[in-house]
Amino acid sequence: MSGADDAPSQHDIAILAETFRLLGDPTRLRIMFHCLDAPKSVGDIAASLELSQTLVSHHLRLLRGARLVRAERQARQVFYQLSDRHVSDMLRDMARHIGEDHDED
């Protein structure tokens, strides 16, 4: 966004703030990074991250509501993955950003 004309609306700012609030939870971030490269089932996420399926389902419901993940049913299981490239790029970019060596200004 290069200028004031490109700024998001107040409504969009409120949605963006809520999205960042959701991303402020370490468990939700762990879930998102786990689903970064391939769709994962709730059971797989729970087992891999050593969390209860109930907790994982709760976080996935919030992330899905914010359109950060999407679900696809295959037979009796539901697989979750990041909703699109914008979300995956943002996660990867922010992870790289915090990993960079920054000199104090």
N, C-alpha and C. Protein backbone atom coordinates (compact mmCIF):
# COMPACT_ATOMS: atom_id res chain seq x y z
N MET A 1 0.84 -1.16 0.00
CA MET A 1 0.00 0.00 0.00
C MET A 1 0.88 1.23 0.00
N SER A 2 0.75 1.99 -1.04
CA SER A 2 1.69 3.08 -1.24
C SER A 2 1.21 4.41 -0.73
N GLY A 3 -0.06 4.56 -0.45
CA GLY A 3 -0.54 5.85 -0.01
C GLY A 3 -1.86 5.73 0.72
N ALA A 4 -2.37 6.89 1.15
CA ALA A 4 -3.61 6.91 1.92
C ALA A 4 -4.78 6.35 1.12
N ASP A 5 -4.78 6.52 -0.19
CA ASP A 5 -5.88 6.01 -1.01
C ASP A 5 -5.92 4.47 -1.02
N ASP A 6 -4.77 3.85 -0.77
CA ASP A 6 -4.68 2.39 -0.77
C ASP A 6 -4.97 1.79 0.61
N ALA A 7 -5.16 2.63 1.61
CA ALA A 7 -5.38 2.13 2.97
C ALA A 7 -6.68 1.35 3.05
N PRO A 8 -6.68 0.28 3.85
CA PRO A 8 -7.91 -0.50 4.01
C PRO A 8 -8.98 0.33 4.73
N SER A 9 -10.22 -0.05 4.53
CA SER A 9 -11.33 0.62 5.20
C SER A 9 -11.28 0.32 6.70
N GLN A 10 -12.04 1.06 7.47
CA GLN A 10 -12.12 0.83 8.92
C GLN A 10 -12.60 -0.60 9.20
N HIS A 11 -13.57 -1.05 8.41
CA HIS A 11 -14.09 -2.41 8.57
C HIS A 11 -12.99 -3.44 8.32
N ASP A 12 -12.22 -3.23 7.25
CA ASP A 12 -11.13 -4.16 6.93
C ASP A 12 -10.05 -4.12 8.00
N ILE A 13 -9.77 -2.94 8.55
CA ILE A 13 -8.79 -2.82 9.64
C ILE A 13 -9.24 -3.62 10.85
N ALA A 14 -10.53 -3.56 11.17
CA ALA A 14 -11.06 -4.31 12.31
C ALA A 14 -10.91 -5.81 12.08
N ILE A 15 -11.18 -6.27 10.86
CA ILE A 15 -11.03 -7.70 10.55
C ILE A 15 -9.56 -8.10 10.62
N LEU A 16 -8.69 -7.25 10.10
CA LEU A 16 -7.26 -7.53 10.14
C LEU A 16 -6.75 -7.60 11.58
N ALA A 17 -7.21 -6.69 12.44
CA ALA A 17 -6.81 -6.70 13.84
C ALA A 17 -7.26 -8.00 14.51
N GLU A 18 -8.47 -8.44 14.22
CA GLU A 18 -8.97 -9.70 14.78
C GLU A 18 -8.16 -10.88 14.26
N THR A 19 -7.77 -10.84 13.00
CA THR A 19 -6.94 -11.90 12.44
C THR A 19 -5.60 -11.98 13.15
N PHE A 20 -4.97 -10.83 13.37
CA PHE A 20 -3.69 -10.82 14.08
C PHE A 20 -3.87 -11.26 15.54
N ARG A 21 -5.01 -10.95 16.15
CA ARG A 21 -5.26 -11.41 17.51
C ARG A 21 -5.31 -12.94 17.52
N LEU A 22 -5.99 -13.53 16.54
CA LEU A 22 -6.05 -14.99 16.45
C LEU A 22 -4.65 -15.59 16.26
N LEU A 23 -3.84 -14.92 15.46
CA LEU A 23 -2.48 -15.41 15.20
C LEU A 23 -1.55 -15.22 16.39
N GLY A 24 -1.99 -14.46 17.39
CA GLY A 24 -1.18 -14.23 18.58
C GLY A 24 -1.14 -15.40 19.55
N ASP A 25 -1.86 -16.45 19.26
CA ASP A 25 -1.89 -17.62 20.13
C ASP A 25 -0.84 -18.63 19.65
N PRO A 26 0.11 -19.00 20.50
CA PRO A 26 1.17 -19.94 20.07
C PRO A 26 0.64 -21.28 19.59
N THR A 27 -0.41 -21.80 20.22
CA THR A 27 -0.95 -23.09 19.78
C THR A 27 -1.52 -22.99 18.37
N ARG A 28 -2.24 -21.91 18.08
CA ARG A 28 -2.78 -21.75 16.72
C ARG A 28 -1.66 -21.61 15.70
N LEU A 29 -0.60 -20.91 16.06
CA LEU A 29 0.53 -20.79 15.13
C LEU A 29 1.18 -22.15 14.90
N ARG A 30 1.35 -22.93 15.95
CA ARG A 30 1.92 -24.27 15.79
C ARG A 30 1.06 -25.11 14.85
N ILE A 31 -0.25 -25.04 15.02
CA ILE A 31 -1.16 -25.78 14.15
C ILE A 31 -1.01 -25.32 12.70
N MET A 32 -0.94 -24.02 12.50
CA MET A 32 -0.81 -23.50 11.13
C MET A 32 0.50 -23.93 10.50
N PHE A 33 1.60 -23.86 11.24
CA PHE A 33 2.88 -24.30 10.68
C PHE A 33 2.85 -25.79 10.38
N HIS A 34 2.15 -26.56 11.19
CA HIS A 34 2.06 -28.00 10.95
C HIS A 34 1.30 -28.29 9.64
N CYS A 35 0.36 -27.43 9.30
CA CYS A 35 -0.46 -27.62 8.10
C CYS A 35 0.09 -26.86 6.90
N LEU A 36 1.27 -26.30 7.03
CA LEU A 36 1.83 -25.42 6.00
C LEU A 36 2.08 -26.14 4.68
N ASP A 37 2.60 -27.34 4.72
CA ASP A 37 3.03 -27.99 3.48
C ASP A 37 2.06 -29.03 2.92
N ALA A 38 1.16 -29.50 3.75
CA ALA A 38 0.24 -30.54 3.29
C ALA A 38 -0.98 -30.59 4.20
N PRO A 39 -2.11 -31.00 3.68
CA PRO A 39 -3.31 -31.14 4.52
C PRO A 39 -3.08 -32.18 5.61
N LYS A 40 -3.61 -31.88 6.79
CA LYS A 40 -3.45 -32.78 7.93
C LYS A 40 -4.80 -33.00 8.61
N SER A 41 -4.99 -34.21 9.13
CA SER A 41 -6.22 -34.51 9.86
C SER A 41 -6.10 -33.99 11.29
N VAL A 42 -7.24 -33.84 11.94
CA VAL A 42 -7.24 -33.37 13.33
C VAL A 42 -6.43 -34.33 14.20
N GLY A 43 -6.62 -35.63 13.97
CA GLY A 43 -5.88 -36.62 14.75
C GLY A 43 -4.38 -36.52 14.56
N ASP A 44 -3.95 -36.30 13.32
CA ASP A 44 -2.52 -36.16 13.03
C ASP A 44 -1.96 -34.91 13.70
N ILE A 45 -2.70 -33.81 13.61
CA ILE A 45 -2.25 -32.56 14.23
C ILE A 45 -2.13 -32.76 15.73
N ALA A 46 -3.17 -33.34 16.33
CA ALA A 46 -3.17 -33.54 17.79
C ALA A 46 -2.00 -34.42 18.23
N ALA A 47 -1.80 -35.53 17.53
CA ALA A 47 -0.71 -36.45 17.91
C ALA A 47 0.66 -35.81 17.71
N SER A 48 0.85 -35.15 16.58
CA SER A 48 2.16 -34.56 16.27
C SER A 48 2.52 -33.43 17.22
N LEU A 49 1.52 -32.64 17.62
CA LEU A 49 1.78 -31.48 18.48
C LEU A 49 1.52 -31.78 19.95
N GLU A 50 1.17 -33.04 20.25
CA GLU A 50 0.88 -33.48 21.62
C GLU A 50 -0.20 -32.62 22.27
N LEU A 51 -1.32 -32.49 21.55
CA LEU A 51 -2.48 -31.73 22.02
C LEU A 51 -3.70 -32.64 21.96
N SER A 52 -4.74 -32.28 22.69
CA SER A 52 -5.97 -33.07 22.61
C SER A 52 -6.69 -32.75 21.31
N GLN A 53 -7.44 -33.71 20.80
CA GLN A 53 -8.21 -33.49 19.58
C GLN A 53 -9.26 -32.41 19.80
N THR A 54 -9.81 -32.35 21.00
CA THR A 54 -10.80 -31.32 21.31
C THR A 54 -10.18 -29.93 21.20
N LEU A 55 -8.99 -29.75 21.76
CA LEU A 55 -8.32 -28.45 21.69
C LEU A 55 -7.97 -28.09 20.24
N VAL A 56 -7.46 -29.04 19.49
CA VAL A 56 -7.11 -28.80 18.09
C VAL A 56 -8.36 -28.42 17.31
N SER A 57 -9.44 -29.14 17.52
CA SER A 57 -10.69 -28.83 16.82
C SER A 57 -11.18 -27.43 17.14
N HIS A 58 -11.06 -27.03 18.40
CA HIS A 58 -11.47 -25.68 18.80
C HIS A 58 -10.65 -24.62 18.05
N HIS A 59 -9.34 -24.80 18.04
CA HIS A 59 -8.48 -23.83 17.36
C HIS A 59 -8.73 -23.82 15.86
N LEU A 60 -8.93 -24.99 15.27
CA LEU A 60 -9.20 -25.05 13.84
C LEU A 60 -10.52 -24.36 13.49
N ARG A 61 -11.50 -24.48 14.36
CA ARG A 61 -12.78 -23.81 14.11
C ARG A 61 -12.56 -22.29 14.06
N LEU A 62 -11.77 -21.75 14.98
CA LEU A 62 -11.48 -20.31 14.98
C LEU A 62 -10.69 -19.91 13.74
N LEU A 63 -9.68 -20.70 13.39
CA LEU A 63 -8.86 -20.39 12.22
C LEU A 63 -9.67 -20.48 10.93
N ARG A 64 -10.56 -21.43 10.90
CA ARG A 64 -11.43 -21.58 9.71
C ARG A 64 -12.39 -20.40 9.60
N GLY A 65 -12.92 -19.96 10.72
CA GLY A 65 -13.81 -18.81 10.74
C GLY A 65 -13.13 -17.54 10.25
N ALA A 66 -11.83 -17.45 10.49
CA ALA A 66 -11.05 -16.30 10.03
C ALA A 66 -10.50 -16.51 8.61
N ARG A 67 -10.87 -17.62 8.00
CA ARG A 67 -10.43 -17.97 6.64
C ARG A 67 -8.92 -18.15 6.54
N LEU A 68 -8.30 -18.60 7.61
CA LEU A 68 -6.86 -18.86 7.60
C LEU A 68 -6.55 -20.31 7.24
N VAL A 69 -7.49 -21.20 7.51
CA VAL A 69 -7.37 -22.60 7.08
C VAL A 69 -8.67 -22.99 6.39
N ARG A 70 -8.58 -24.05 5.59
CA ARG A 70 -9.77 -24.59 4.96
C ARG A 70 -9.78 -26.09 5.19
N ALA A 71 -10.97 -26.64 5.13
CA ALA A 71 -11.15 -28.06 5.42
C ALA A 71 -11.65 -28.80 4.19
N GLU A 72 -11.23 -30.04 4.10
CA GLU A 72 -11.71 -30.91 3.02
C GLU A 72 -12.01 -32.28 3.62
N ARG A 73 -13.24 -32.71 3.45
CA ARG A 73 -13.65 -34.00 3.98
C ARG A 73 -13.26 -35.09 2.99
N GLN A 74 -12.65 -36.14 3.53
CA GLN A 74 -12.33 -37.33 2.75
C GLN A 74 -12.82 -38.52 3.56
N ALA A 75 -13.91 -39.09 3.10
CA ALA A 75 -14.60 -40.18 3.82
C ALA A 75 -15.00 -39.67 5.20
N ARG A 76 -14.48 -40.28 6.26
CA ARG A 76 -14.89 -39.88 7.61
C ARG A 76 -13.94 -38.88 8.25
N GLN A 77 -12.86 -38.54 7.57
CA GLN A 77 -11.89 -37.61 8.15
C GLN A 77 -11.95 -36.26 7.45
N VAL A 78 -11.59 -35.23 8.22
CA VAL A 78 -11.49 -33.88 7.68
C VAL A 78 -10.02 -33.49 7.72
N PHE A 79 -9.52 -33.01 6.60
CA PHE A 79 -8.13 -32.58 6.49
C PHE A 79 -8.08 -31.06 6.38
N TYR A 80 -7.15 -30.47 7.09
CA TYR A 80 -7.02 -29.02 7.12
C TYR A 80 -5.70 -28.60 6.49
N GLN A 81 -5.78 -27.49 5.77
CA GLN A 81 -4.57 -26.88 5.21
C GLN A 81 -4.76 -25.37 5.22
N LEU A 82 -3.69 -24.65 5.03
CA LEU A 82 -3.80 -23.20 5.00
C LEU A 82 -4.67 -22.81 3.81
N SER A 83 -5.41 -21.74 3.99
CA SER A 83 -6.46 -21.42 3.03
C SER A 83 -5.93 -21.02 1.66
N ASP A 84 -4.80 -20.34 1.61
CA ASP A 84 -4.26 -19.95 0.31
C ASP A 84 -2.80 -19.52 0.44
N ARG A 85 -2.26 -19.14 -0.68
CA ARG A 85 -0.84 -18.78 -0.72
C ARG A 85 -0.53 -17.51 0.08
N HIS A 86 -1.50 -16.60 0.16
CA HIS A 86 -1.27 -15.39 0.96
C HIS A 86 -0.95 -15.74 2.41
N VAL A 87 -1.72 -16.68 2.95
CA VAL A 87 -1.53 -17.07 4.35
C VAL A 87 -0.20 -17.80 4.52
N SER A 88 0.10 -18.75 3.64
CA SER A 88 1.37 -19.48 3.77
C SER A 88 2.57 -18.57 3.55
N ASP A 89 2.49 -17.66 2.59
CA ASP A 89 3.59 -16.72 2.36
C ASP A 89 3.80 -15.82 3.57
N MET A 90 2.71 -15.35 4.16
CA MET A 90 2.82 -14.48 5.33
C MET A 90 3.49 -15.21 6.49
N LEU A 91 3.10 -16.47 6.73
CA LEU A 91 3.72 -17.24 7.81
C LEU A 91 5.20 -17.45 7.56
N ARG A 92 5.52 -17.87 6.34
CA ARG A 92 6.94 -18.10 6.01
C ARG A 92 7.74 -16.80 6.10
N ASP A 93 7.19 -15.71 5.57
CA ASP A 93 7.89 -14.42 5.60
C ASP A 93 8.13 -13.94 7.03
N MET A 94 7.13 -14.07 7.88
CA MET A 94 7.28 -13.62 9.27
C MET A 94 8.27 -14.50 10.02
N ALA A 95 8.26 -15.81 9.75
CA ALA A 95 9.23 -16.70 10.39
C ALA A 95 10.65 -16.34 9.96
N ARG A 96 10.82 -16.04 8.67
CA ARG A 96 12.15 -15.61 8.20
C ARG A 96 12.53 -14.28 8.82
N HIS A 97 11.58 -13.38 8.92
CA HIS A 97 11.84 -12.05 9.47
C HIS A 97 12.36 -12.15 10.91
N ILE A 98 11.71 -12.94 11.75
CA ILE A 98 12.17 -13.02 13.13
C ILE A 98 13.49 -13.78 13.26
N GLY A 99 13.81 -14.60 12.25
CA GLY A 99 15.05 -15.34 12.27
C GLY A 99 16.25 -14.55 11.76
N GLU A 100 15.99 -13.39 11.17
CA GLU A 100 17.08 -12.57 10.65
C GLU A 100 17.84 -11.92 11.79
N ASP A 101 19.11 -11.67 11.53
CA ASP A 101 19.95 -10.97 12.50
C ASP A 101 19.73 -9.47 12.28
N HIS A 102 19.10 -8.83 13.26
CA HIS A 102 18.81 -7.40 13.15
C HIS A 102 19.71 -6.62 14.09
N ASP A 103 20.42 -5.66 13.53
CA ASP A 103 21.19 -4.76 14.38
C ASP A 103 20.25 -3.75 14.98
N GLU A 104 20.50 -3.40 16.23
CA GLU A 104 19.70 -2.37 16.88
C GLU A 104 20.02 -1.04 16.23
N ASP A 105 18.96 -0.28 15.91
CA ASP A 105 19.15 1.03 15.28
C ASP A 105 19.44 2.07 16.32
